Amino acid sequence: MAYKITEECINCGACEPECPNQAISPGDERYEIDPEKCTECVGFFDEPQCASVCPTGACVPDPDRHESKEELEAKYRKLHGK
């Protein structure tokens, strides 16, 4: 499932450079994750990097966008041509 950034975001920007898919960008009120680019860091890391660096715990799984590991791997291959 893709991750999302909740209202707990303090706009510190720690998550943005950690995303290997460039799925995170500044939004109007807080940083946002593009669910079409979010692979939960599958293909790169064992855990989502945004969640591991977020000081407020604002990066959480989006319950509305459940994806299996296989679907995340396919998205990774599509995004990175692998």
C-alpha atoms as a PDB file:
ATOM      1  CA  MET A   1       0.000   0.000   0.000  1.00  0.00           C
ATOM      2  CA  ALA A   2       1.229   3.456  -0.687  1.00  0.00           C
ATOM      3  CA  TYR A   3       2.107   5.692   2.204  1.00  0.00           C
ATOM      4  CA  LYS A   4       0.536   9.045   2.955  1.00  0.00           C
ATOM      5  CA  ILE A   5       1.511  12.018   5.081  1.00  0.00           C
ATOM      6  CA  THR A   6      -0.923  12.993   7.809  1.00  0.00           C
ATOM      7  CA  GLU A   7      -1.694  16.325   9.437  1.00  0.00           C
ATOM      8  CA  GLU A   8       1.029  15.608  12.003  1.00  0.00           C
ATOM      9  CA  CYS A   9       3.538  16.738   9.329  1.00  0.00           C
ATOM     10  CA  ILE A  10       5.573  19.737  10.506  1.00  0.00           C
ATOM     11  CA  ASN A  11       6.976  20.464   7.013  1.00  0.00           C
ATOM     12  CA  CYS A  12      10.539  19.710   8.092  1.00  0.00           C
ATOM     13  CA  GLY A  13      11.345  18.133   4.715  1.00  0.00           C
ATOM     14  CA  ALA A  14      13.274  15.180   6.160  1.00  0.00           C
ATOM     15  CA  CYS A  15      11.296  12.699   4.090  1.00  0.00           C
ATOM     16  CA  GLU A  16      11.645  14.253   0.643  1.00  0.00           C
ATOM     17  CA  PRO A  17      15.330  13.485  -0.080  1.00  0.00           C
ATOM     18  CA  GLU A  18      14.997   9.979   1.382  1.00  0.00           C
ATOM     19  CA  CYS A  19      12.414   8.821  -1.178  1.00  0.00           C
ATOM     20  CA  PRO A  20      14.160   6.809  -3.915  1.00  0.00           C
ATOM     21  CA  ASN A  21      11.162   7.267  -6.229  1.00  0.00           C
ATOM     22  CA  GLN A  22      10.881  11.058  -5.893  1.00  0.00           C
ATOM     23  CA  ALA A  23       7.290  10.477  -4.769  1.00  0.00           C
ATOM     24  CA  ILE A  24       7.373  13.139  -2.041  1.00  0.00           C
ATOM     25  CA  SER A  25       6.926  16.838  -2.718  1.00  0.00           C
ATOM     26  CA  PRO A  26       5.829  19.947  -0.819  1.00  0.00           C
ATOM     27  CA  GLY A  27       2.070  20.443  -0.821  1.00  0.00           C
ATOM     28  CA  ASP A  28      -0.123  23.375   0.103  1.00  0.00           C
ATOM     29  CA  GLU A  29      -0.345  22.485   3.800  1.00  0.00           C
ATOM     30  CA  ARG A  30       2.201  19.671   4.209  1.00  0.00           C
ATOM     31  CA  TYR A  31       4.385  17.340   2.206  1.00  0.00           C
ATOM     32  CA  GLU A  32       2.534  14.886  -0.026  1.00  0.00           C
ATOM     33  CA  ILE A  33       3.255  11.429  -1.401  1.00  0.00           C
ATOM     34  CA  ASP A  34       2.278  10.600  -4.979  1.00  0.00           C
ATOM     35  CA  PRO A  35       0.699   7.142  -4.602  1.00  0.00           C
ATOM     36  CA  GLU A  36       1.496   6.302  -8.224  1.00  0.00           C
ATOM     37  CA  LYS A  37       5.211   6.557  -7.392  1.00  0.00           C
ATOM     38  CA  CYS A  38       5.220   5.144  -3.862  1.00  0.00           C
ATOM     39  CA  THR A  39       6.510   1.561  -3.694  1.00  0.00           C
ATOM     40  CA  GLU A  40       7.046   1.572   0.091  1.00  0.00           C
ATOM     41  CA  CYS A  41      10.721   1.558  -0.943  1.00  0.00           C
ATOM     42  CA  VAL A  42      10.371  -1.984  -2.364  1.00  0.00           C
ATOM     43  CA  GLY A  43      13.333  -2.521  -4.665  1.00  0.00           C
ATOM     44  CA  PHE A  44      15.534  -0.222  -2.602  1.00  0.00           C
ATOM     45  CA  PHE A  45      15.143  -0.739   1.147  1.00  0.00           C
ATOM     46  CA  ASP A  46      13.585  -3.143   3.651  1.00  0.00           C
ATOM     47  CA  GLU A  47      11.335  -0.438   5.096  1.00  0.00           C
ATOM     48  CA  PRO A  48       9.795   2.824   3.920  1.00  0.00           C
ATOM     49  CA  GLN A  49      12.434   5.494   4.379  1.00  0.00           C
ATOM     50  CA  CYS A  50       9.965   8.348   4.812  1.00  0.00           C
ATOM     51  CA  ALA A  51       8.506   6.663   7.889  1.00  0.00           C
ATOM     52  CA  SER A  52      11.936   5.862   9.295  1.00  0.00           C
ATOM     53  CA  VAL A  53      13.119   9.500   9.184  1.00  0.00           C
ATOM     54  CA  CYS A  54       9.883  11.317  10.051  1.00  0.00           C
ATOM     55  CA  PRO A  55      10.256  12.933  13.491  1.00  0.00           C
ATOM     56  CA  THR A  56       6.484  13.089  14.071  1.00  0.00           C
ATOM     57  CA  GLY A  57       5.325   9.760  12.671  1.00  0.00           C
ATOM     58  CA  ALA A  58       3.308  11.516   9.951  1.00  0.00           C
ATOM     59  CA  CYS A  59       4.291   9.033   7.205  1.00  0.00           C
ATOM     60  CA  VAL A  60       1.860   6.136   7.517  1.00  0.00           C
ATOM     61  CA  PRO A  61       0.368   3.410   5.309  1.00  0.00           C
ATOM     62  CA  ASP A  62      -2.642   4.636   3.342  1.00  0.00           C
ATOM     63  CA  PRO A  63      -5.468   2.175   4.102  1.00  0.00           C
ATOM     64  CA  ASP A  64      -7.260   3.231   0.921  1.00  0.00           C
ATOM     65  CA  ARG A  65      -4.377   2.075  -1.304  1.00  0.00           C
ATOM     66  CA  HIS A  66      -3.581  -1.525  -0.397  1.00  0.00           C
ATOM     67  CA  GLU A  67      -1.029  -3.163  -2.715  1.00  0.00           C
ATOM     68  CA  SER A  68       0.630  -6.556  -2.429  1.00  0.00           C
ATOM     69  CA  LYS A  69       4.401  -6.950  -2.440  1.00  0.00           C
ATOM     70  CA  GLU A  70       4.122  -8.246  -6.004  1.00  0.00           C
ATOM     71  CA  GLU A  71       2.186  -5.150  -7.079  1.00  0.00           C
ATOM     72  CA  LEU A  72       4.778  -2.903  -5.406  1.00  0.00           C
ATOM     73  CA  GLU A  73       7.591  -4.786  -7.157  1.00  0.00           C
ATOM     74  CA  ALA A  74       5.814  -4.367 -10.512  1.00  0.00           C
ATOM     75  CA  LYS A  75       5.410  -0.641  -9.851  1.00  0.00           C
ATOM     76  CA  TYR A  76       9.127  -0.429  -8.991  1.00  0.00           C
ATOM     77  CA  ARG A  77      10.064  -2.154 -12.280  1.00  0.00           C
ATOM     78  CA  LYS A  78       7.750   0.136 -14.255  1.00  0.00           C
ATOM     79  CA  LEU A  79       9.160   3.291 -12.626  1.00  0.00           C
ATOM     80  CA  HIS A  80      12.790   2.259 -12.983  1.00  0.00           C
ATOM     81  CA  GLY A  81      12.790   0.126 -16.141  1.00  0.00           C
ATOM     82  CA  LYS A  82      14.078  -2.960 -14.380  1.00  0.00           C
END
